[in-house]
Amino acid sequence: MKDVRIILSPEAKEVYEYLNREALTSKTERTILKAIKQKVEFIKANPHYGKPVSKNKIPKEYTLRYGNINLFRVELPNFWRMLYTLTEGETKIEIIAFVLDIIQSHINSLFLSHRN
């Protein structure tokens, strides 16, 4: 079985750090942070845990930044989402789950902006 490594994009890392800070005093942020940690473990156990996003629904922003990717969506509490892609490791046999974004549902307009 291949090892699975989780890497956060700079954007996802920024949100993760925000949630860590706010979790000290906010139950909502604490709940979201706990769910992220749980879902990361699920992804490590099964890299295809998330719901696949259709190629034609992947935001252009992501394809411009990361190239032709596969994208998975994981539901989080309070209408938050975690988006990730999978790639092969470069130097050893592993799968890298690269978390692109951790977003609130109102930002889901990213996915609606490029309907034809």
C-alpha atoms as a PDB file:
ATOM      1  CA  MET A   1       0.000   0.000   0.000  1.00  0.00           C
ATOM      2  CA  LYS A   2       1.241   3.482  -0.815  1.00  0.00           C
ATOM      3  CA  ASP A   3       1.876   6.059   1.883  1.00  0.00           C
ATOM      4  CA  VAL A   4      -0.422   9.084   1.774  1.00  0.00           C
ATOM      5  CA  ARG A   5       1.011  12.475   2.636  1.00  0.00           C
ATOM      6  CA  ILE A   6      -1.170  15.552   3.181  1.00  0.00           C
ATOM      7  CA  ILE A   7       0.157  18.953   2.072  1.00  0.00           C
ATOM      8  CA  LEU A   8      -1.677  22.255   2.488  1.00  0.00           C
ATOM      9  CA  SER A   9      -1.540  24.944  -0.183  1.00  0.00           C
ATOM     10  CA  PRO A  10      -0.625  28.419   1.113  1.00  0.00           C
ATOM     11  CA  GLU A  11      -4.332  29.385   0.968  1.00  0.00           C
ATOM     12  CA  ALA A  12      -5.442  26.287   2.874  1.00  0.00           C
ATOM     13  CA  LYS A  13      -2.630  26.756   5.400  1.00  0.00           C
ATOM     14  CA  GLU A  14      -3.751  30.331   6.035  1.00  0.00           C
ATOM     15  CA  VAL A  15      -7.325  29.201   6.750  1.00  0.00           C
ATOM     16  CA  TYR A  16      -6.081  26.300   8.897  1.00  0.00           C
ATOM     17  CA  GLU A  17      -3.951  28.670  10.998  1.00  0.00           C
ATOM     18  CA  TYR A  18      -6.916  31.049  11.349  1.00  0.00           C
ATOM     19  CA  LEU A  19      -9.122  28.194  12.571  1.00  0.00           C
ATOM     20  CA  ASN A  20      -6.428  27.132  15.051  1.00  0.00           C
ATOM     21  CA  ARG A  21      -6.261  30.652  16.499  1.00  0.00           C
ATOM     22  CA  GLU A  22     -10.018  31.152  16.648  1.00  0.00           C
ATOM     23  CA  ALA A  23     -10.740  27.654  17.991  1.00  0.00           C
ATOM     24  CA  LEU A  24      -9.501  28.777  21.398  1.00  0.00           C
ATOM     25  CA  THR A  25     -12.549  31.007  21.844  1.00  0.00           C
ATOM     26  CA  SER A  26     -15.051  29.947  19.182  1.00  0.00           C
ATOM     27  CA  LYS A  27     -17.031  26.718  19.237  1.00  0.00           C
ATOM     28  CA  THR A  28     -17.824  27.049  15.511  1.00  0.00           C
ATOM     29  CA  GLU A  29     -14.168  27.275  14.464  1.00  0.00           C
ATOM     30  CA  ARG A  30     -13.268  24.496  16.917  1.00  0.00           C
ATOM     31  CA  THR A  31     -15.913  22.242  15.334  1.00  0.00           C
ATOM     32  CA  ILE A  32     -14.657  22.959  11.803  1.00  0.00           C
ATOM     33  CA  LEU A  33     -11.026  22.390  12.817  1.00  0.00           C
ATOM     34  CA  LYS A  34     -11.895  19.078  14.485  1.00  0.00           C
ATOM     35  CA  ALA A  35     -13.744  17.980  11.334  1.00  0.00           C
ATOM     36  CA  ILE A  36     -10.761  18.901   9.122  1.00  0.00           C
ATOM     37  CA  LYS A  37      -8.435  16.802  11.269  1.00  0.00           C
ATOM     38  CA  GLN A  38     -10.886  13.894  11.124  1.00  0.00           C
ATOM     39  CA  LYS A  39     -11.337  14.160   7.343  1.00  0.00           C
ATOM     40  CA  VAL A  40      -7.561  14.286   6.823  1.00  0.00           C
ATOM     41  CA  GLU A  41      -7.333  10.921   8.598  1.00  0.00           C
ATOM     42  CA  PHE A  42     -10.116   9.574   6.357  1.00  0.00           C
ATOM     43  CA  ILE A  43      -8.190  10.774   3.276  1.00  0.00           C
ATOM     44  CA  LYS A  44      -5.007   9.099   4.552  1.00  0.00           C
ATOM     45  CA  ALA A  45      -6.939   5.825   4.884  1.00  0.00           C
ATOM     46  CA  ASN A  46      -8.747   6.251   1.544  1.00  0.00           C
ATOM     47  CA  PRO A  47      -7.386   8.945  -0.809  1.00  0.00           C
ATOM     48  CA  HIS A  48     -10.620   8.842  -2.847  1.00  0.00           C
ATOM     49  CA  TYR A  49     -12.743   9.579   0.239  1.00  0.00           C
ATOM     50  CA  GLY A  50     -14.012  12.930  -1.084  1.00  0.00           C
ATOM     51  CA  LYS A  51     -16.694  13.410  -3.696  1.00  0.00           C
ATOM     52  CA  PRO A  52     -15.114  13.905  -7.162  1.00  0.00           C
ATOM     53  CA  VAL A  53     -15.793  17.234  -8.866  1.00  0.00           C
ATOM     54  CA  SER A  54     -16.617  16.984 -12.591  1.00  0.00           C
ATOM     55  CA  LYS A  55     -13.809  18.261 -14.827  1.00  0.00           C
ATOM     56  CA  ASN A  56     -16.134  20.880 -16.349  1.00  0.00           C
ATOM     57  CA  LYS A  57     -16.958  22.215 -12.864  1.00  0.00           C
ATOM     58  CA  ILE A  58     -13.386  22.698 -11.674  1.00  0.00           C
ATOM     59  CA  PRO A  59     -12.812  26.452 -11.269  1.00  0.00           C
ATOM     60  CA  LYS A  60     -10.521  27.992 -13.893  1.00  0.00           C
ATOM     61  CA  GLU A  61      -8.522  29.500 -11.041  1.00  0.00           C
ATOM     62  CA  TYR A  62      -7.424  25.997 -10.030  1.00  0.00           C
ATOM     63  CA  THR A  63      -6.631  24.760 -13.543  1.00  0.00           C
ATOM     64  CA  LEU A  64      -4.579  27.893 -14.245  1.00  0.00           C
ATOM     65  CA  ARG A  65      -2.666  27.532 -10.990  1.00  0.00           C
ATOM     66  CA  TYR A  66      -2.280  23.742 -10.773  1.00  0.00           C
ATOM     67  CA  GLY A  67      -2.795  22.474 -14.336  1.00  0.00           C
ATOM     68  CA  ASN A  68      -5.079  19.615 -15.306  1.00  0.00           C
ATOM     69  CA  ILE A  69      -6.075  18.190 -11.918  1.00  0.00           C
ATOM     70  CA  ASN A  70      -8.557  15.821 -10.405  1.00  0.00           C
ATOM     71  CA  LEU A  71     -10.505  17.562  -7.650  1.00  0.00           C
ATOM     72  CA  PHE A  72     -12.298  16.115  -4.650  1.00  0.00           C
ATOM     73  CA  ARG A  73     -14.698  17.880  -2.289  1.00  0.00           C
ATOM     74  CA  VAL A  74     -15.211  17.039   1.380  1.00  0.00           C
ATOM     75  CA  GLU A  75     -18.166  18.437   3.307  1.00  0.00           C
ATOM     76  CA  LEU A  76     -17.367  20.115   6.635  1.00  0.00           C
ATOM     77  CA  PRO A  77     -19.674  21.528   9.348  1.00  0.00           C
ATOM     78  CA  ASN A  78     -21.371  24.914   8.927  1.00  0.00           C
ATOM     79  CA  PHE A  79     -21.380  24.628   5.120  1.00  0.00           C
ATOM     80  CA  TRP A  80     -17.585  24.669   4.838  1.00  0.00           C
ATOM     81  CA  ARG A  81     -15.779  22.556   2.227  1.00  0.00           C
ATOM     82  CA  MET A  82     -12.284  21.179   1.851  1.00  0.00           C
ATOM     83  CA  LEU A  83     -10.978  20.747  -1.707  1.00  0.00           C
ATOM     84  CA  TYR A  84      -8.050  18.504  -2.544  1.00  0.00           C
ATOM     85  CA  THR A  85      -6.283  16.841  -5.437  1.00  0.00           C
ATOM     86  CA  LEU A  86      -4.165  13.694  -5.639  1.00  0.00           C
ATOM     87  CA  THR A  87      -0.732  13.325  -7.216  1.00  0.00           C
ATOM     88  CA  GLU A  88       1.979  10.664  -7.203  1.00  0.00           C
ATOM     89  CA  GLY A  89       5.058  11.244  -5.061  1.00  0.00           C
ATOM     90  CA  GLU A  90       8.208  12.259  -6.920  1.00  0.00           C
ATOM     91  CA  THR A  91      10.874  10.272  -5.102  1.00  0.00           C
ATOM     92  CA  LYS A  92       9.099   7.329  -3.499  1.00  0.00           C
ATOM     93  CA  ILE A  93       5.906   5.367  -3.752  1.00  0.00           C
ATOM     94  CA  GLU A  94       3.334   7.631  -2.167  1.00  0.00           C
ATOM     95  CA  ILE A  95       0.183   9.553  -2.885  1.00  0.00           C
ATOM     96  CA  ILE A  96       0.124  13.235  -2.065  1.00  0.00           C
ATOM     97  CA  ALA A  97      -3.238  14.691  -1.126  1.00  0.00           C
ATOM     98  CA  PHE A  98      -2.701  18.381  -1.784  1.00  0.00           C
ATOM     99  CA  VAL A  99      -5.372  20.429  -0.006  1.00  0.00           C
ATOM    100  CA  LEU A 100      -6.041  23.382  -2.304  1.00  0.00           C
ATOM    101  CA  ASP A 101      -8.610  25.261  -0.271  1.00  0.00           C
ATOM    102  CA  ILE A 102     -10.776  25.243   2.811  1.00  0.00           C
ATOM    103  CA  ILE A 103     -13.763  27.429   1.973  1.00  0.00           C
ATOM    104  CA  GLN A 104     -17.163  28.512   3.214  1.00  0.00           C
ATOM    105  CA  SER A 105     -20.191  27.625   1.120  1.00  0.00           C
ATOM    106  CA  HIS A 106     -20.827  31.216   0.005  1.00  0.00           C
ATOM    107  CA  ILE A 107     -17.533  30.956  -1.846  1.00  0.00           C
ATOM    108  CA  ASN A 108     -18.952  28.027  -3.792  1.00  0.00           C
ATOM    109  CA  SER A 109     -19.779  30.646  -6.411  1.00  0.00           C
ATOM    110  CA  LEU A 110     -16.317  29.688  -7.716  1.00  0.00           C
ATOM    111  CA  PHE A 111     -17.997  26.605  -9.116  1.00  0.00           C
ATOM    112  CA  LEU A 112     -20.949  28.461 -10.590  1.00  0.00           C
ATOM    113  CA  SER A 113     -18.995  31.219 -12.328  1.00  0.00           C
ATOM    114  CA  HIS A 114     -17.946  29.136 -15.314  1.00  0.00           C
ATOM    115  CA  ARG A 115     -21.135  27.353 -16.319  1.00  0.00           C
ATOM    116  CA  ASN A 116     -21.663  27.476 -20.055  1.00  0.00           C
END
